[in-house]
C-alpha atoms as a PDB file:
ATOM      1  CA  MET A   1      87.058  77.030   8.511  1.00  0.00           C
ATOM      2  CA  ILE A   2      84.400  79.383  10.161  1.00  0.00           C
ATOM      3  CA  THR A   3      84.879  82.986   9.479  1.00  0.00           C
ATOM      4  CA  THR A   4      82.506  85.846  10.677  1.00  0.00           C
ATOM      5  CA  ARG A   5      81.833  88.241   8.077  1.00  0.00           C
ATOM      6  CA  PRO A   6      78.438  90.168   8.616  1.00  0.00           C
ATOM      7  CA  GLY A   7      76.377  90.407   5.556  1.00  0.00           C
ATOM      8  CA  TYR A   8      77.666  87.455   3.640  1.00  0.00           C
ATOM      9  CA  PRO A   9      75.566  84.318   3.312  1.00  0.00           C
ATOM     10  CA  ARG A  10      76.392  80.989   4.868  1.00  0.00           C
ATOM     11  CA  TRP A  11      77.631  78.386   2.104  1.00  0.00           C
ATOM     12  CA  HIS A  12      79.455  74.949   2.277  1.00  0.00           C
ATOM     13  CA  THR A  13      80.806  72.512  -0.196  1.00  0.00           C
ATOM     14  CA  ALA A  14      81.289  68.875  -0.752  1.00  0.00           C
ATOM     15  CA  SER A  15      83.219  66.449  -3.157  1.00  0.00           C
ATOM     16  CA  ALA A  16      83.844  63.128  -3.407  1.00  0.00           C
ATOM     17  CA  GLN A  17      85.468  60.867  -5.450  1.00  0.00           C
ATOM     18  CA  GLY A  18      83.430  58.408  -6.018  1.00  0.00           C
ATOM     19  CA  PRO A  19      84.400  55.383  -8.090  1.00  0.00           C
ATOM     20  CA  ARG A  20      86.967  57.044 -10.136  1.00  0.00           C
ATOM     21  CA  SER A  21      90.541  56.634  -9.834  1.00  0.00           C
ATOM     22  CA  LEU A  22      91.035  60.464  -8.792  1.00  0.00           C
ATOM     23  CA  ASN A  23      88.595  63.262  -7.942  1.00  0.00           C
ATOM     24  CA  ALA A  24      89.036  65.745 -11.421  1.00  0.00           C
ATOM     25  CA  ASP A  25      86.210  68.200  -9.597  1.00  0.00           C
ATOM     26  CA  ALA A  26      87.059  71.679  -7.999  1.00  0.00           C
ATOM     27  CA  VAL A  27      84.946  74.178  -6.550  1.00  0.00           C
ATOM     28  CA  GLY A  28      86.330  77.542  -4.802  1.00  0.00           C
ATOM     29  CA  ALA A  29      85.047  81.028  -3.989  1.00  0.00           C
ATOM     30  CA  TYR A  30      86.387  84.548  -3.455  1.00  0.00           C
ATOM     31  CA  ALA A  31      85.407  87.739  -1.668  1.00  0.00           C
ATOM     32  CA  ALA A  32      87.881  90.737  -2.574  1.00  0.00           C
ATOM     33  CA  ALA A  33      88.333  92.986   0.227  1.00  0.00           C
ATOM     34  CA  GLY A  34      85.781  95.758   0.077  1.00  0.00           C
ATOM     35  CA  GLY A  35      84.023  93.856  -2.935  1.00  0.00           C
ATOM     36  CA  PRO A  36      80.349  93.359  -3.088  1.00  0.00           C
ATOM     37  CA  GLY A  37      80.106  89.741  -2.175  1.00  0.00           C
ATOM     38  CA  ILE A  38      81.491  86.434  -2.955  1.00  0.00           C
ATOM     39  CA  ALA A  39      82.114  85.027  -6.346  1.00  0.00           C
ATOM     40  CA  PHE A  40      81.687  81.102  -6.721  1.00  0.00           C
ATOM     41  CA  ALA A  41      82.948  78.861  -9.065  1.00  0.00           C
ATOM     42  CA  LEU A  42      82.605  74.978  -9.653  1.00  0.00           C
ATOM     43  CA  ALA A  43      84.465  72.688 -12.397  1.00  0.00           C
ATOM     44  CA  ASP A  44      84.573  69.452 -13.529  1.00  0.00           C
ATOM     45  CA  GLY A  45      87.705  68.434 -15.350  1.00  0.00           C
ATOM     46  CA  VAL A  46      86.984  66.531 -19.007  1.00  0.00           C
ATOM     47  CA  GLY A  47      88.347  63.166 -18.346  1.00  0.00           C
ATOM     48  CA  ASP A  48      89.833  61.024 -15.290  1.00  0.00           C
ATOM     49  CA  ASP A  49      93.234  62.089 -15.059  1.00  0.00           C
ATOM     50  CA  PRO A  50      95.653  64.467 -13.303  1.00  0.00           C
ATOM     51  CA  ALA A  51      95.371  66.901 -16.420  1.00  0.00           C
ATOM     52  CA  ALA A  52      91.840  66.993 -16.091  1.00  0.00           C
ATOM     53  CA  ALA A  53      91.792  67.787 -12.199  1.00  0.00           C
ATOM     54  CA  ARG A  54      94.307  70.528 -12.925  1.00  0.00           C
ATOM     55  CA  ALA A  55      92.213  72.202 -15.505  1.00  0.00           C
ATOM     56  CA  ALA A  56      89.426  72.235 -12.995  1.00  0.00           C
ATOM     57  CA  ARG A  57      91.266  73.540 -10.427  1.00  0.00           C
ATOM     58  CA  VAL A  58      92.895  76.367 -12.696  1.00  0.00           C
ATOM     59  CA  ALA A  59      89.597  77.174 -13.991  1.00  0.00           C
ATOM     60  CA  VAL A  60      88.021  77.339 -10.718  1.00  0.00           C
ATOM     61  CA  ALA A  61      90.884  79.983  -9.072  1.00  0.00           C
ATOM     62  CA  ALA A  62      90.634  82.026 -12.636  1.00  0.00           C
ATOM     63  CA  ALA A  63      87.134  82.371 -12.435  1.00  0.00           C
ATOM     64  CA  ALA A  64      86.275  83.138  -8.733  1.00  0.00           C
ATOM     65  CA  ARG A  65      89.068  85.452  -8.613  1.00  0.00           C
ATOM     66  CA  THR A  66      87.502  87.582 -11.493  1.00  0.00           C
ATOM     67  CA  PRO A  67      86.296  91.137 -10.200  1.00  0.00           C
ATOM     68  CA  VAL A  68      82.706  91.138  -9.644  1.00  0.00           C
ATOM     69  CA  HIS A  69      82.109  94.067 -11.554  1.00  0.00           C
ATOM     70  CA  LYS A  70      83.574  92.440 -14.703  1.00  0.00           C
ATOM     71  CA  GLY A  71      80.873  89.844 -14.456  1.00  0.00           C
ATOM     72  CA  PRO A  72      80.225  85.842 -14.868  1.00  0.00           C
ATOM     73  CA  ILE A  73      81.096  85.768 -18.973  1.00  0.00           C
ATOM     74  CA  GLU A  74      84.712  87.418 -18.149  1.00  0.00           C
ATOM     75  CA  ALA A  75      85.058  84.989 -15.469  1.00  0.00           C
ATOM     76  CA  VAL A  76      84.482  82.171 -17.574  1.00  0.00           C
ATOM     77  CA  LEU A  77      86.877  83.851 -20.402  1.00  0.00           C
ATOM     78  CA  ALA A  78      89.313  84.319 -17.618  1.00  0.00           C
ATOM     79  CA  ALA A  79      89.411  80.475 -16.686  1.00  0.00           C
ATOM     80  CA  GLN A  80      89.861  79.904 -20.580  1.00  0.00           C
ATOM     81  CA  ARG A  81      92.830  82.133 -20.712  1.00  0.00           C
ATOM     82  CA  ALA A  82      94.265  80.193 -17.468  1.00  0.00           C
ATOM     83  CA  VAL A  83      93.446  76.551 -18.835  1.00  0.00           C
ATOM     84  CA  ARG A  84      94.787  77.217 -22.380  1.00  0.00           C
ATOM     85  CA  GLU A  85      98.160  78.238 -20.712  1.00  0.00           C
ATOM     86  CA  GLN A  86      98.349  74.926 -19.919  1.00  0.00           C
ATOM     87  CA  THR A  87      99.283  71.820 -22.576  1.00  0.00           C
ATOM     88  CA  HIS A  88      96.604  69.504 -21.805  1.00  0.00           C
ATOM     89  CA  GLY A  89      93.632  69.428 -19.545  1.00  0.00           C
ATOM     90  CA  ASP A  90      90.127  70.536 -19.970  1.00  0.00           C
ATOM     91  CA  ALA A  91      87.111  71.171 -17.813  1.00  0.00           C
ATOM     92  CA  VAL A  92      83.475  72.216 -17.592  1.00  0.00           C
ATOM     93  CA  LEU A  93      82.430  75.361 -15.432  1.00  0.00           C
ATOM     94  CA  VAL A  94      79.595  77.477 -13.582  1.00  0.00           C
ATOM     95  CA  VAL A  95      80.319  80.694 -12.078  1.00  0.00           C
ATOM     96  CA  ALA A  96      77.851  82.562 -10.105  1.00  0.00           C
ATOM     97  CA  MET A  97      78.276  86.280  -8.937  1.00  0.00           C
ATOM     98  CA  PRO A  98      76.145  88.710  -6.693  1.00  0.00           C
ATOM     99  CA  ALA A  99      73.813  90.701  -8.298  1.00  0.00           C
ATOM    100  CA  GLY A 100      72.489  94.028  -6.988  1.00  0.00           C
ATOM    101  CA  HIS A 101      68.915  92.764  -6.375  1.00  0.00           C
ATOM    102  CA  GLY A 102      70.321  89.916  -4.001  1.00  0.00           C
ATOM    103  CA  GLY A 103      70.577  87.397  -6.253  1.00  0.00           C
ATOM    104  CA  TYR A 104      73.069  85.999  -8.677  1.00  0.00           C
ATOM    105  CA  ARG A 105      74.220  86.372 -12.399  1.00  0.00           C
ATOM    106  CA  ILE A 106      75.179  82.453 -13.905  1.00  0.00           C
ATOM    107  CA  ALA A 107      77.406  82.019 -16.603  1.00  0.00           C
ATOM    108  CA  TRP A 108      78.470  78.238 -17.787  1.00  0.00           C
ATOM    109  CA  VAL A 109      79.994  76.034 -20.008  1.00  0.00           C
ATOM    110  CA  GLY A 110      79.776  72.116 -20.593  1.00  0.00           C
ATOM    111  CA  ASP A 111      77.165  70.471 -18.240  1.00  0.00           C
ATOM    112  CA  ALA A 112      77.840  71.991 -14.603  1.00  0.00           C
ATOM    113  CA  ARG A 113      74.703  73.475 -13.284  1.00  0.00           C
ATOM    114  CA  ALA A 114      73.384  76.053 -11.230  1.00  0.00           C
ATOM    115  CA  TYR A 115      70.081  75.573  -9.503  1.00  0.00           C
ATOM    116  CA  ALA A 116      67.992  78.373  -7.318  1.00  0.00           C
ATOM    117  CA  TRP A 117      66.518  77.161  -4.219  1.00  0.00           C
ATOM    118  CA  ASP A 118      63.899  79.080  -1.678  1.00  0.00           C
ATOM    119  CA  GLY A 119      63.240  76.345   0.417  1.00  0.00           C
ATOM    120  CA  VAL A 120      60.355  75.014  -1.311  1.00  0.00           C
ATOM    121  CA  THR A 121      60.973  75.544  -4.975  1.00  0.00           C
ATOM    122  CA  LEU A 122      64.183  73.962  -6.853  1.00  0.00           C
ATOM    123  CA  SER A 123      64.582  76.022 -10.406  1.00  0.00           C
ATOM    124  CA  ARG A 124      67.066  75.209 -12.678  1.00  0.00           C
ATOM    125  CA  LEU A 125      68.897  77.806 -13.947  1.00  0.00           C
ATOM    126  CA  THR A 126      71.297  76.397 -16.290  1.00  0.00           C
ATOM    127  CA  THR A 127      70.736  74.328 -19.526  1.00  0.00           C
ATOM    128  CA  ASP A 128      73.182  71.223 -20.265  1.00  0.00           C
ATOM    129  CA  HIS A 129      75.893  71.891 -23.394  1.00  0.00           C
ATOM    130  CA  THR A 130      75.592  68.242 -24.203  1.00  0.00           C
ATOM    131  CA  LEU A 131      74.800  66.682 -27.446  1.00  0.00           C
ATOM    132  CA  ALA A 132      71.648  65.258 -26.062  1.00  0.00           C
ATOM    133  CA  GLU A 133      70.256  68.963 -25.445  1.00  0.00           C
ATOM    134  CA  TYR A 134      71.243  69.814 -28.735  1.00  0.00           C
ATOM    135  CA  PHE A 135      69.609  66.867 -30.255  1.00  0.00           C
ATOM    136  CA  ARG A 136      66.421  67.401 -28.227  1.00  0.00           C
ATOM    137  CA  ALA A 137      66.509  71.119 -29.625  1.00  0.00           C
ATOM    138  CA  HIS A 138      66.309  69.811 -33.017  1.00  0.00           C
ATOM    139  CA  HIS A 139      63.773  67.090 -32.236  1.00  0.00           C
ATOM    140  CA  GLN A 140      66.070  64.291 -32.884  1.00  0.00           C
ATOM    141  CA  PRO A 141      66.426  61.012 -31.140  1.00  0.00           C
ATOM    142  CA  VAL A 142      68.696  60.999 -28.026  1.00  0.00           C
ATOM    143  CA  THR A 143      70.870  58.203 -26.739  1.00  0.00           C
ATOM    144  CA  PRO A 144      72.245  57.594 -23.130  1.00  0.00           C
ATOM    145  CA  ARG A 145      75.812  58.234 -24.328  1.00  0.00           C
ATOM    146  CA  MET A 146      75.173  61.831 -25.757  1.00  0.00           C
ATOM    147  CA  GLU A 147      74.380  62.734 -22.179  1.00  0.00           C
ATOM    148  CA  HIS A 148      77.657  62.834 -21.344  1.00  0.00           C
ATOM    149  CA  VAL A 149      79.047  64.332 -24.650  1.00  0.00           C
ATOM    150  CA  VAL A 150      79.587  68.257 -23.899  1.00  0.00           C
ATOM    151  CA  THR A 151      79.493  70.670 -26.625  1.00  0.00           C
ATOM    152  CA  THR A 152      81.248  73.393 -24.689  1.00  0.00           C
ATOM    153  CA  SER A 153      84.197  73.596 -22.420  1.00  0.00           C
ATOM    154  CA  VAL A 154      86.306  75.955 -20.981  1.00  0.00           C
ATOM    155  CA  ARG A 155      89.258  75.670 -23.345  1.00  0.00           C
ATOM    156  CA  THR A 156      87.085  75.402 -26.669  1.00  0.00           C
ATOM    157  CA  ALA A 157      84.098  77.697 -25.790  1.00  0.00           C
ATOM    158  CA  GLU A 158      83.648  81.048 -28.135  1.00  0.00           C
ATOM    159  CA  PRO A 159      82.167  83.857 -26.325  1.00  0.00           C
ATOM    160  CA  HIS A 160      79.146  83.631 -27.794  1.00  0.00           C
ATOM    161  CA  GLU A 161      78.579  80.178 -26.564  1.00  0.00           C
ATOM    162  CA  ILE A 162      79.001  80.600 -22.909  1.00  0.00           C
ATOM    163  CA  GLY A 163      75.526  80.329 -21.242  1.00  0.00           C
ATOM    164  CA  THR A 164      74.399  82.666 -19.187  1.00  0.00           C
ATOM    165  CA  ALA A 165      70.902  83.125 -16.717  1.00  0.00           C
ATOM    166  CA  GLU A 166      70.085  85.308 -13.617  1.00  0.00           C
ATOM    167  CA  THR A 167      68.277  84.742 -10.564  1.00  0.00           C
ATOM    168  CA  THR A 168      66.606  86.779  -7.769  1.00  0.00           C
ATOM    169  CA  SER A 169      66.921  83.913  -5.084  1.00  0.00           C
ATOM    170  CA  ALA A 170      69.564  84.411  -2.533  1.00  0.00           C
ATOM    171  CA  GLY A 171      69.642  80.712  -2.060  1.00  0.00           C
ATOM    172  CA  LEU A 172      71.960  79.084  -4.836  1.00  0.00           C
ATOM    173  CA  LEU A 173      73.130  75.277  -5.352  1.00  0.00           C
ATOM    174  CA  LEU A 174      75.938  74.461  -7.803  1.00  0.00           C
ATOM    175  CA  THR A 175      76.494  70.998  -8.887  1.00  0.00           C
ATOM    176  CA  SER A 176      78.729  68.624 -10.740  1.00  0.00           C
ATOM    177  CA  ASP A 177      77.036  65.981 -12.723  1.00  0.00           C
ATOM    178  CA  GLY A 178      78.070  63.431 -10.829  1.00  0.00           C
ATOM    179  CA  VAL A 179      75.072  64.874  -8.417  1.00  0.00           C
ATOM    180  CA  HIS A 180      72.601  65.921 -10.633  1.00  0.00           C
ATOM    181  CA  LYS A 181      72.804  62.953 -12.891  1.00  0.00           C
ATOM    182  CA  PRO A 182      72.124  60.395 -10.051  1.00  0.00           C
ATOM    183  CA  LEU A 183      69.777  62.389  -8.185  1.00  0.00           C
ATOM    184  CA  THR A 184      67.738  64.326 -10.654  1.00  0.00           C
ATOM    185  CA  GLY A 185      65.902  67.410  -9.586  1.00  0.00           C
ATOM    186  CA  GLY A 186      63.283  65.596  -7.640  1.00  0.00           C
ATOM    187  CA  GLY A 187      66.102  63.821  -5.674  1.00  0.00           C
ATOM    188  CA  ILE A 188      67.762  67.278  -4.803  1.00  0.00           C
ATOM    189  CA  ARG A 189      64.665  68.530  -3.510  1.00  0.00           C
ATOM    190  CA  ALA A 190      64.027  65.781  -1.361  1.00  0.00           C
ATOM    191  CA  VAL A 191      67.308  66.405   0.126  1.00  0.00           C
ATOM    192  CA  LEU A 192      67.174  69.834   0.570  1.00  0.00           C
ATOM    193  CA  ALA A 193      64.014  69.945   1.815  1.00  0.00           C
ATOM    194  CA  GLN A 194      65.181  68.214   5.208  1.00  0.00           C
ATOM    195  CA  PRO A 195      66.431  70.558   7.754  1.00  0.00           C
ATOM    196  CA  GLY A 196      69.940  71.081   8.403  1.00  0.00           C
ATOM    197  CA  THR A 197      71.216  69.540   4.884  1.00  0.00           C
ATOM    198  CA  GLY A 198      73.195  71.062   2.144  1.00  0.00           C
ATOM    199  CA  ALA A 199      76.160  69.785   0.065  1.00  0.00           C
ATOM    200  CA  ALA A 200      77.668  67.069   2.136  1.00  0.00           C
ATOM    201  CA  GLU A 201      74.164  65.284   2.176  1.00  0.00           C
ATOM    202  CA  LEU A 202      73.597  66.030  -1.516  1.00  0.00           C
ATOM    203  CA  VAL A 203      77.011  64.260  -2.316  1.00  0.00           C
ATOM    204  CA  GLU A 204      76.222  61.503  -0.303  1.00  0.00           C
ATOM    205  CA  ALA A 205      72.768  60.775  -1.811  1.00  0.00           C
ATOM    206  CA  ALA A 206      74.283  60.907  -5.108  1.00  0.00           C
ATOM    207  CA  LEU A 207      76.699  58.382  -4.350  1.00  0.00           C
ATOM    208  CA  ALA A 208      73.943  55.991  -2.581  1.00  0.00           C
ATOM    209  CA  ARG A 209      71.983  56.272  -5.499  1.00  0.00           C
ATOM    210  CA  GLY A 210      75.067  54.866  -7.700  1.00  0.00           C
ATOM    211  CA  GLY A 211      76.682  57.593  -8.709  1.00  0.00           C
ATOM    212  CA  SER A 212      79.396  56.556 -10.768  1.00  0.00           C
ATOM    213  CA  ASP A 213      81.350  59.962 -11.281  1.00  0.00           C
ATOM    214  CA  ASN A 214      83.097  62.250  -8.600  1.00  0.00           C
ATOM    215  CA  ALA A 215      80.401  64.453  -7.133  1.00  0.00           C
ATOM    216  CA  THR A 216      80.622  67.804  -5.748  1.00  0.00           C
ATOM    217  CA  ALA A 217      78.430  70.242  -4.628  1.00  0.00           C
ATOM    218  CA  LEU A 218      78.408  73.953  -3.570  1.00  0.00           C
ATOM    219  CA  TYR A 219      75.160  75.384  -1.396  1.00  0.00           C
ATOM    220  CA  VAL A 220      74.730  78.732  -0.656  1.00  0.00           C
ATOM    221  CA  GLU A 221      72.022  79.493   1.856  1.00  0.00           C
ATOM    222  CA  PRO A 222      69.472  82.259   1.732  1.00  0.00           C
ATOM    223  CA  LEU A 223      70.814  85.046   4.136  1.00  0.00           C
ATOM    224  CA  GLU A 224      69.154  85.393   7.509  1.00  0.00           C
ATOM    225  CA  VAL A 225      68.671  88.824   8.566  1.00  0.00           C
ATOM    226  CA  ASP A 226      70.206  88.112  12.027  1.00  0.00           C
ATOM    227  CA  SER A 227      73.238  85.621  10.689  1.00  0.00           C
ATOM    228  CA  THR A 228      76.963  87.253  11.201  1.00  0.00           C
ATOM    229  CA  THR A 229      78.461  83.874  10.600  1.00  0.00           C
ATOM    230  CA  VAL A 230      79.598  82.434   6.775  1.00  0.00           C
ATOM    231  CA  ARG A 231      81.499  79.346   6.578  1.00  0.00           C
ATOM    232  CA  PHE A 232      84.682  79.146   4.090  1.00  0.00           C
ATOM    233  CA  PRO A 233      85.655  75.848   3.329  1.00  0.00           C
ATOM    234  CA  VAL A 234      89.190  75.577   1.721  1.00  0.00           C
ATOM    235  CA  ALA A 235      89.102  76.568  -2.157  1.00  0.00           C
ATOM    236  CA  ALA A 236      90.164  73.415  -4.414  1.00  0.00           C
END
């Protein structure tokens, strides 16, 4: 769906089930009437079952609809309250909210990621909350399995465990691990460097590279001065 809203960025999403039995990723955005901009959220359900998929959708809906002035940490906590109302299911989550300088404030739990992209340089804004990253930080050996074990999640994270970051870049990319693990930073840069590419091409490239998970991306293009069109895909 195309919506004309002067002053908003152009953004687009893509998501694919991949070889999994269902798609437990979710992505969405929300712009409150008269608000300062669009809040973006991407979640990846923990597991491959309906409860995981439901948790991801619930987390995204609650996070994206948190008022921007409350900030992205409160958005994660709102997602946590919503997920805890469910009997089962959990997810990892990354949230981006507009900042006054034209960039974004980021908060996350788990291994969902945010990157800044200015058309030339890709800068990773988040650090995975995984067992692998914990062991690396403590200079201990890491096994491949540790890359997939998260140490924080929407349901379990304490407020002080929520990661935060900020960027002045107007170009933003949110991904689930089904995108950034097969592609890595170099692969993501190679896709985005091609004119006219974005979320769909990243998802396609991740699966073509042998991705074995759900693959989801949300790409916010840098705002063009003369742009009056913003694309609003249906939020999961």
